[in-house]
Amino acid sequence: MSSTTASTMKKTTLGPSGIESSAIGLGTWAMGGWMWGGGDNAAAVLAIQASLDAGVTLIDTAPAYGLGRSESIVGTALKGRRQEAVIATKCGLVWHTQQGTHFFEEDGHPVYRYLGRESIFHECEESLKRLQTDYIDLYITHWQDSTTPVAETMDALLSLKKQGKIRAIGVSNVSPETLAEYLQYGPVDAAQERYSLIDREIEQTLVPLCTEHNVAVLGYSSLALGLLAGPIDPARQFTGDDQRATNPRFSTANRVKLKAFFEELEPLRKQLECSFGQMMIAWTLARGSVSVALCGARVPKQAIENAAAGAITLRDDALLLIDAAAARHLNALA
């Protein structure tokens, strides 16, 4: 199964907003280059357009992905096709002010967690310019800010919604307690959290609250930074600022465990006529914890392959096989 069409892509709704989205979303963090060893703008534009052609409508980006680079790429790619896309972008990681809490350095710029009212308004305007649009479909607080009351943050988001600059409100990297606080002040349409076969913590923590309040869950890192895309050559080197170079999950020992895991699932992969990556993406949707599986891509081939997972349905027996193989080989990776 190497391709899909818009007609076979699974669909979902983003919480109370009623916005319809593809069940597979395109994540554009790697397109920004930062922490991924650089990037190719032209290839990224083609990847976004290939995703749209394959039925992916949700395009997820953020200002922090390359200090605006990823958003600008999305804006370029969507020229003439804006109505085909559901744009999700974020606020709360800032470099125009030193308010809030220092988080990290990116290309020589100190980046802060800050969700103050005026800062959110500023960020929204900058994102609209880079995205070359007059509205954002889903606006997400990227990381939470302990220095700003949730009431102030939510008031700003509701103001932007009233102005028509955003259509829906989301949160990311949030505890159940903080999400509950957001919900005191108005509807939250989506929560974006890490979720994959080896990152399942939210099943017990956040998902029950989201289900209770009709908050759609967007799972990011569906392939665990590429770890679950298929066997990785133990000799492969990750260079530059590529985060995988220092990530212990990508150790040689873990790659050996992954090889055994994928070997055990090879008969199922052949039966499904798909790639290992597609199988893992389909697993995230089949488990029912997330409404959208976000998958990163930097070139059209990757984007098309990821999109095809939106047409795969895994039966219960396939899910049991995958879970059993994961229990045997991958528990130590989590």
Protein backbone atom coordinates (compact mmCIF):
# COMPACT_ATOMS: atom_id res chain seq x y z
CA MET A 1 0.00 0.00 0.00
CA SER A 2 2.16 2.84 -1.26
CA SER A 3 -0.42 5.55 -1.85
CA THR A 4 -3.86 6.72 -0.86
CA THR A 5 -6.43 9.20 -2.07
CA ALA A 6 -8.57 11.82 -0.40
CA SER A 7 -11.53 9.45 -0.64
CA THR A 8 -9.88 6.67 1.39
CA MET A 9 -8.34 8.87 4.10
CA LYS A 10 -9.98 8.47 7.50
CA LYS A 11 -11.54 11.67 8.85
CA THR A 12 -12.16 13.10 12.31
CA THR A 13 -13.61 16.20 13.96
CA LEU A 14 -11.59 18.58 16.12
CA GLY A 15 -13.64 18.73 19.31
CA PRO A 16 -16.47 21.23 19.78
CA SER A 17 -15.20 23.34 16.85
CA GLY A 18 -16.74 20.93 14.35
CA ILE A 19 -13.72 21.39 12.06
CA GLU A 20 -13.23 18.27 9.96
CA SER A 21 -9.68 17.01 9.61
CA SER A 22 -7.85 14.07 8.13
CA ALA A 23 -6.90 11.41 10.69
CA ILE A 24 -3.30 11.70 9.50
CA GLY A 25 -1.67 15.10 9.99
CA LEU A 26 1.59 16.38 8.57
CA GLY A 27 4.08 17.52 11.21
CA THR A 28 6.54 20.16 10.00
CA TRP A 29 9.04 20.39 12.87
CA ALA A 30 11.80 18.75 10.81
CA MET A 31 11.11 21.14 7.91
CA GLY A 32 12.32 23.97 10.10
CA GLY A 33 15.72 22.25 10.21
CA TRP A 34 16.44 22.96 13.86
CA MET A 35 17.44 19.79 15.76
CA TRP A 36 17.11 17.80 12.52
CA GLY A 37 20.42 18.60 10.84
CA GLY A 38 19.15 21.36 8.55
CA GLY A 39 16.47 21.32 5.89
CA ASP A 40 15.58 21.83 2.23
CA ASN A 41 12.83 24.42 1.72
CA ALA A 42 11.96 23.40 -1.83
CA ALA A 43 11.60 19.72 -0.91
CA ALA A 44 9.51 20.68 2.12
CA VAL A 45 7.09 22.71 -0.02
CA LEU A 46 6.66 19.73 -2.34
CA ALA A 47 6.11 17.43 0.65
CA ILE A 48 3.28 19.62 1.94
CA GLN A 49 1.65 19.73 -1.47
CA ALA A 50 2.03 15.96 -1.86
CA SER A 51 0.32 15.51 1.51
CA LEU A 52 -2.66 17.56 0.35
CA ASP A 53 -2.85 15.53 -2.85
CA ALA A 54 -2.90 12.34 -0.75
CA GLY A 55 -5.81 13.48 1.41
CA VAL A 56 -3.95 14.95 4.39
CA THR A 57 -5.63 18.20 5.39
CA LEU A 58 -4.15 18.97 8.82
CA ILE A 59 -0.77 20.72 8.57
CA ASP A 60 0.87 21.20 11.99
CA THR A 61 3.55 23.82 12.45
CA ALA A 62 4.90 26.30 15.04
CA PRO A 63 6.96 29.50 15.20
CA ALA A 64 9.69 27.69 17.15
CA TYR A 65 10.31 25.26 14.29
CA GLY A 66 13.30 27.10 12.83
CA LEU A 67 12.33 30.49 14.30
CA GLY A 68 9.56 31.01 11.77
CA ARG A 69 11.08 28.99 8.94
CA SER A 70 8.56 26.14 9.11
CA GLU A 71 5.57 28.49 9.13
CA SER A 72 6.97 30.37 6.14
CA ILE A 73 7.39 27.11 4.24
CA VAL A 74 3.78 26.17 5.00
CA GLY A 75 2.61 29.59 3.80
CA THR A 76 4.50 29.17 0.53
CA ALA A 77 3.21 25.64 -0.02
CA LEU A 78 -0.42 26.61 0.55
CA LYS A 79 -0.53 29.48 -1.95
CA GLY A 80 -3.69 28.89 -3.97
CA ARG A 81 -4.63 25.89 -1.80
CA ARG A 82 -5.41 27.48 1.57
CA GLN A 83 -9.00 26.19 1.60
CA GLU A 84 -7.77 22.59 1.33
CA ALA A 85 -5.82 22.78 4.57
CA VAL A 86 -6.52 22.84 8.29
CA ILE A 87 -3.60 24.85 9.68
CA ALA A 88 -2.54 24.16 13.25
CA THR A 89 0.14 26.43 14.66
CA LYS A 90 1.19 27.43 18.13
CA CYS A 91 2.08 30.16 20.59
CA GLY A 92 4.00 30.35 23.84
CA LEU A 93 7.62 29.79 22.77
CA VAL A 94 8.91 33.29 22.17
CA TRP A 95 12.11 35.12 21.33
CA HIS A 96 10.73 38.66 20.94
CA THR A 97 10.65 39.11 24.73
CA GLN A 98 12.44 37.75 27.79
CA GLN A 99 9.29 37.46 29.85
CA GLY A 100 8.28 34.09 31.23
CA THR A 101 10.76 31.26 31.81
CA HIS A 102 13.91 30.62 29.76
CA PHE A 103 13.53 27.28 27.95
CA PHE A 104 16.35 26.78 25.42
CA GLU A 105 18.63 28.47 22.87
CA GLU A 106 17.84 28.24 19.17
CA ASP A 107 20.28 29.58 16.59
CA GLY A 108 21.72 31.98 19.15
CA HIS A 109 18.32 33.24 20.32
CA PRO A 110 17.09 32.60 23.88
CA VAL A 111 13.58 31.15 23.70
CA TYR A 112 11.15 31.61 26.58
CA ARG A 113 7.93 29.92 27.64
CA TYR A 114 5.46 32.78 27.84
CA LEU A 115 1.69 32.92 27.34
CA GLY A 116 0.86 36.48 28.38
CA ARG A 117 -2.08 38.16 26.66
CA GLU A 118 -0.23 40.81 24.61
CA SER A 119 2.48 38.32 23.64
CA ILE A 120 -0.11 35.91 22.26
CA PHE A 121 -1.65 38.72 20.18
CA HIS A 122 1.83 39.58 18.84
CA GLU A 123 2.63 35.96 18.04
CA CYS A 124 -0.66 35.44 16.24
CA GLU A 125 -0.05 38.42 13.95
CA GLU A 126 3.47 37.21 13.13
CA SER A 127 2.20 33.71 12.37
CA LEU A 128 -0.56 35.04 10.12
CA LYS A 129 2.07 36.95 8.11
CA ARG A 130 4.38 33.96 7.74
CA LEU A 131 1.50 31.63 6.87
CA GLN A 132 0.12 34.17 4.36
CA THR A 133 -3.41 33.76 5.66
CA ASP A 134 -5.95 35.81 7.60
CA TYR A 135 -7.01 33.01 9.96
CA ILE A 136 -5.57 30.00 11.78
CA ASP A 137 -7.76 26.93 12.09
CA LEU A 138 -6.31 25.55 15.34
CA TYR A 139 -4.17 27.71 17.64
CA ILE A 140 -2.28 25.74 20.28
CA THR A 141 -0.37 26.76 23.40
CA HIS A 142 2.93 25.02 22.60
CA TRP A 143 4.33 24.63 26.13
CA GLN A 144 2.72 25.78 29.34
CA ASP A 145 3.86 28.91 31.20
CA SER A 146 3.94 28.84 34.98
CA THR A 147 4.31 32.64 35.17
CA THR A 148 0.97 33.51 33.50
CA PRO A 149 -2.47 32.59 34.89
CA VAL A 150 -4.37 30.18 32.63
CA ALA A 151 -7.32 32.58 32.85
CA GLU A 152 -5.27 35.30 31.10
CA THR A 153 -4.02 32.92 28.42
CA MET A 154 -7.49 31.56 27.72
CA ASP A 155 -8.98 35.06 27.64
CA ALA A 156 -6.50 36.01 24.91
CA LEU A 157 -7.31 32.89 22.89
CA LEU A 158 -11.06 33.47 23.21
CA SER A 159 -10.55 37.09 22.08
CA LEU A 160 -8.68 35.92 18.97
CA LYS A 161 -11.47 33.45 18.28
CA LYS A 162 -14.11 36.18 18.62
CA GLN A 163 -12.10 38.33 16.17
CA GLY A 164 -12.08 35.46 13.64
CA LYS A 165 -8.30 35.18 13.65
CA ILE A 166 -8.45 31.62 15.00
CA ARG A 167 -11.22 29.04 14.66
CA ALA A 168 -10.35 26.61 17.44
CA ILE A 169 -8.23 26.44 20.62
CA GLY A 170 -5.71 23.77 21.50
CA VAL A 171 -3.16 23.00 24.19
CA SER A 172 0.03 20.95 24.10
CA ASN A 173 2.43 19.41 26.60
CA VAL A 174 -0.18 19.88 29.29
CA SER A 175 -1.04 18.06 32.51
CA PRO A 176 -4.62 16.90 33.15
CA GLU A 177 -4.81 19.46 35.95
CA THR A 178 -3.85 22.34 33.67
CA LEU A 179 -6.21 21.15 30.93
CA ALA A 180 -9.02 21.07 33.51
CA GLU A 181 -8.18 24.67 34.39
CA TYR A 182 -8.36 25.74 30.73
CA LEU A 183 -11.77 24.06 30.48
CA GLN A 184 -13.07 26.21 33.33
CA TYR A 185 -12.85 29.27 31.06
CA GLY A 186 -14.13 27.92 27.75
CA PRO A 187 -14.05 25.07 25.24
CA VAL A 188 -10.76 23.42 24.32
CA ASP A 189 -10.94 21.72 20.94
CA ALA A 190 -7.71 19.72 20.93
CA ALA A 191 -4.81 18.56 23.06
CA GLN A 192 -1.54 17.70 21.32
CA GLU A 193 0.68 15.19 23.12
CA ARG A 194 3.39 12.65 22.38
CA TYR A 195 1.92 9.26 21.53
CA SER A 196 3.26 6.15 19.85
CA LEU A 197 3.62 2.43 20.42
CA ILE A 198 6.42 3.17 22.91
CA ASP A 199 4.91 6.35 24.39
CA ARG A 200 1.50 5.44 25.79
CA GLU A 201 1.40 7.29 29.11
CA ILE A 202 -1.46 9.59 28.08
CA GLU A 203 -3.82 6.62 27.78
CA GLN A 204 -4.08 6.65 31.59
CA THR A 205 -3.52 10.35 32.32
CA LEU A 206 -4.89 12.78 29.74
CA VAL A 207 -7.11 10.77 27.39
CA PRO A 208 -9.91 10.09 29.91
CA LEU A 209 -10.33 13.83 30.57
CA CYS A 210 -10.24 14.60 26.85
CA THR A 211 -12.89 11.97 26.18
CA GLU A 212 -15.11 13.37 28.93
CA HIS A 213 -14.94 16.91 27.50
CA ASN A 214 -14.90 16.09 23.77
CA VAL A 215 -11.32 17.31 23.35
CA ALA A 216 -9.69 15.80 20.26
CA VAL A 217 -6.24 14.31 20.90
CA LEU A 218 -3.51 14.95 18.35
CA GLY A 219 -0.65 12.51 18.82
CA TYR A 220 2.76 13.85 17.85
CA SER A 221 5.88 11.79 17.18
CA SER A 222 3.77 8.85 15.97
CA LEU A 223 6.94 7.19 14.72
CA ALA A 224 9.02 8.18 17.80
CA LEU A 225 11.36 10.50 15.84
CA GLY A 226 11.69 7.81 13.17
CA LEU A 227 12.57 4.99 15.55
CA LEU A 228 9.41 3.08 14.56
CA ALA A 229 9.66 3.72 10.83
CA GLY A 230 11.54 0.47 10.25
CA PRO A 231 14.90 -1.15 11.01
CA ILE A 232 17.77 1.35 11.39
CA ASP A 233 21.26 0.30 10.34
CA PRO A 234 23.34 0.06 13.55
CA ALA A 235 26.17 1.77 11.69
CA ARG A 236 24.12 4.84 10.69
CA GLN A 237 25.47 8.10 12.10
CA PHE A 238 23.31 11.10 12.99
CA THR A 239 25.30 14.32 12.59
CA GLY A 240 25.19 18.06 13.31
CA ASP A 241 22.37 19.24 15.58
CA ASP A 242 20.26 16.16 14.80
CA GLN A 243 18.74 15.32 18.18
CA ARG A 244 18.91 11.60 17.46
CA ALA A 245 22.71 11.71 17.75
CA THR A 246 22.45 12.02 21.53
CA ASN A 247 19.09 10.33 22.12
CA PRO A 248 19.68 7.11 24.08
CA ARG A 249 16.73 5.47 22.34
CA PHE A 250 18.80 5.42 19.15
CA SER A 251 21.66 3.46 20.72
CA THR A 252 23.17 0.52 18.85
CA ALA A 253 21.72 -1.90 21.42
CA ASN A 254 18.23 -0.51 20.88
CA ARG A 255 18.57 -0.76 17.12
CA VAL A 256 19.28 -4.48 17.56
CA LYS A 257 16.09 -4.84 19.62
CA LEU A 258 14.15 -2.96 16.98
CA LYS A 259 15.49 -5.26 14.27
CA ALA A 260 14.11 -8.27 16.15
CA PHE A 261 10.79 -6.49 16.66
CA PHE A 262 10.36 -5.73 12.98
CA GLU A 263 11.50 -9.23 11.96
CA GLU A 264 8.70 -10.68 14.09
CA LEU A 265 6.16 -8.42 12.37
CA GLU A 266 7.40 -9.03 8.82
CA PRO A 267 4.63 -11.59 8.01
CA LEU A 268 1.97 -9.12 9.13
CA ARG A 269 3.57 -6.34 7.11
CA LYS A 270 3.48 -8.52 4.00
CA GLN A 271 -0.12 -9.46 4.66
CA LEU A 272 -1.13 -5.81 4.98
CA GLU A 273 0.98 -4.83 1.96
CA CYS A 274 2.33 -1.77 3.74
CA SER A 275 5.57 -0.44 5.20
CA PHE A 276 6.51 -0.80 8.85
CA GLY A 277 6.04 2.92 9.33
CA GLN A 278 2.52 2.76 7.92
CA MET A 279 1.72 -0.13 10.25
CA MET A 280 2.90 1.85 13.28
CA ILE A 281 0.90 4.93 12.26
CA ALA A 282 -2.20 2.79 11.70
CA TRP A 283 -1.66 1.30 15.16
CA THR A 284 -1.81 4.76 16.79
CA LEU A 285 -5.21 5.40 15.21
CA ALA A 286 -6.59 1.92 15.82
CA ARG A 287 -5.89 2.10 19.57
CA GLY A 288 -8.50 4.86 19.86
CA SER A 289 -6.55 7.23 22.11
CA VAL A 290 -5.81 9.83 19.43
CA SER A 291 -8.04 11.42 16.80
CA VAL A 292 -5.12 12.50 14.62
CA ALA A 293 -1.70 10.89 14.17
CA LEU A 294 0.86 13.58 13.34
CA CYS A 295 3.68 12.33 11.14
CA GLY A 296 6.74 14.30 10.12
CA ALA A 297 8.07 14.38 6.57
CA ARG A 298 10.64 16.43 4.69
CA VAL A 299 10.29 15.06 1.16
CA PRO A 300 7.25 14.05 -0.94
CA LYS A 301 8.01 10.32 -0.77
CA GLN A 302 7.83 10.34 3.05
CA ALA A 303 4.66 12.43 3.02
CA ILE A 304 2.89 10.13 0.57
CA GLU A 305 3.91 7.01 2.50
CA ASN A 306 2.67 8.45 5.79
CA ALA A 307 -0.62 9.54 4.26
CA ALA A 308 -1.31 6.02 3.01
CA ALA A 309 -1.56 4.84 6.61
CA GLY A 310 -4.86 6.72 6.76
CA ALA A 311 -6.46 4.03 4.63
CA ILE A 312 -5.25 1.03 6.69
CA THR A 313 -7.59 -0.68 9.14
CA LEU A 314 -5.96 -3.01 11.66
CA ARG A 315 -8.12 -5.83 13.02
CA ASP A 316 -8.00 -6.88 16.66
CA ASP A 317 -5.77 -9.86 15.89
CA ALA A 318 -3.22 -7.58 14.20
CA LEU A 319 -3.23 -5.22 17.18
CA LEU A 320 -2.63 -8.17 19.51
CA LEU A 321 0.33 -9.31 17.39
CA ILE A 322 1.89 -5.84 17.42
CA ASP A 323 1.37 -5.36 21.15
CA ALA A 324 2.83 -8.78 21.94
CA ALA A 325 5.91 -8.13 19.80
CA ALA A 326 6.36 -4.74 21.45
CA ALA A 327 6.16 -6.31 24.90
CA ARG A 328 8.89 -8.79 23.97
CA HIS A 329 11.30 -6.38 22.34
CA LEU A 330 10.55 -2.71 23.05
CA ASN A 331 9.71 -2.28 26.72
CA ALA A 332 13.27 -1.20 27.50
CA LEU A 333 13.04 1.58 24.89
CA ALA A 334 10.24 3.45 26.64
